Amino acid sequence: SLHKHLAPLLLRSREITARTAQDWRRMRDDHTGIVRAILRGEGDAAEQAMLEHMHDIGLDLISNRKR
């Protein structure tokens, strides 16, 4: 049930990000860091990497909106 409600929101978020991302290399590197931390079983590092990624994405969205 949760997935049913969240999936459309996540897809919409990704559509917006795909249009507004200013640095695809950084985005790929962010995702790689998150996945590697998860695979190493380092939950705290994965959480920190995800928070940093979300911060970066938020800044991209804000700067794009102001244009």
Protein backbone atom coordinates (compact mmCIF):
# COMPACT_ATOMS: atom_id res chain seq x y z
CA SER A 1 0.00 0.00 0.00
CA LEU A 2 2.82 2.39 0.86
CA HIS A 3 4.58 1.64 -2.43
CA LYS A 4 1.33 2.24 -4.34
CA HIS A 5 1.12 5.76 -2.93
CA LEU A 6 4.81 6.66 -3.01
CA ALA A 7 5.72 5.30 -6.45
CA PRO A 8 3.99 8.08 -8.44
CA LEU A 9 5.60 10.73 -6.24
CA LEU A 10 9.05 9.20 -6.65
CA LEU A 11 8.62 8.98 -10.41
CA ARG A 12 7.54 12.61 -10.58
CA SER A 13 10.52 13.64 -8.46
CA ARG A 14 12.87 11.80 -10.81
CA GLU A 15 11.28 13.45 -13.85
CA ILE A 16 11.88 16.88 -12.33
CA THR A 17 15.43 15.99 -11.35
CA ALA A 18 16.17 14.65 -14.83
CA ARG A 19 15.13 17.98 -16.34
CA THR A 20 16.85 20.20 -13.80
CA ALA A 21 20.04 18.39 -12.78
CA GLN A 22 23.01 20.61 -13.43
CA ASP A 23 25.77 18.05 -12.98
CA TRP A 24 25.04 14.50 -14.11
CA ARG A 25 28.53 13.33 -13.15
CA ARG A 26 27.99 14.47 -9.55
CA MET A 27 24.60 12.78 -9.51
CA ARG A 28 26.08 9.49 -10.75
CA ASP A 29 28.90 9.74 -8.21
CA ASP A 30 26.39 10.44 -5.43
CA HIS A 31 24.37 7.36 -6.35
CA THR A 32 27.50 5.23 -6.61
CA GLY A 33 28.58 6.31 -3.12
CA ILE A 34 25.17 5.51 -1.66
CA VAL A 35 25.07 2.04 -3.23
CA ARG A 36 28.65 1.22 -2.21
CA ALA A 37 27.95 2.15 1.41
CA ILE A 38 24.84 -0.03 1.38
CA LEU A 39 26.75 -2.96 -0.13
CA ARG A 40 29.44 -2.60 2.57
CA GLY A 41 26.73 -2.68 5.20
CA GLU A 42 27.62 0.83 6.37
CA GLY A 43 24.21 2.21 7.22
CA ASP A 44 25.47 5.45 8.75
CA ALA A 45 27.66 6.19 5.71
CA ALA A 46 24.78 5.37 3.35
CA GLU A 47 22.48 7.67 5.28
CA GLN A 48 25.03 10.50 5.22
CA ALA A 49 25.66 10.03 1.51
CA MET A 50 21.91 10.10 0.82
CA LEU A 51 21.43 13.24 2.92
CA GLU A 52 24.22 14.98 1.03
CA HIS A 53 22.71 13.87 -2.27
CA MET A 54 19.26 15.14 -1.30
CA HIS A 55 20.80 18.44 -0.21
CA ASP A 56 22.54 18.79 -3.59
CA ILE A 57 19.37 17.92 -5.49
CA GLY A 58 17.41 20.40 -3.44
CA LEU A 59 19.92 23.12 -4.26
CA ASP A 60 19.69 22.22 -7.95
CA LEU A 61 15.90 22.49 -7.84
CA ILE A 62 16.00 25.81 -6.00
CA SER A 63 18.59 27.38 -8.30
CA ASN A 64 16.70 26.18 -11.37
CA ARG A 65 13.44 27.58 -10.04
CA LYS A 66 14.95 31.03 -9.57
CA ARG A 67 15.99 31.25 -13.23
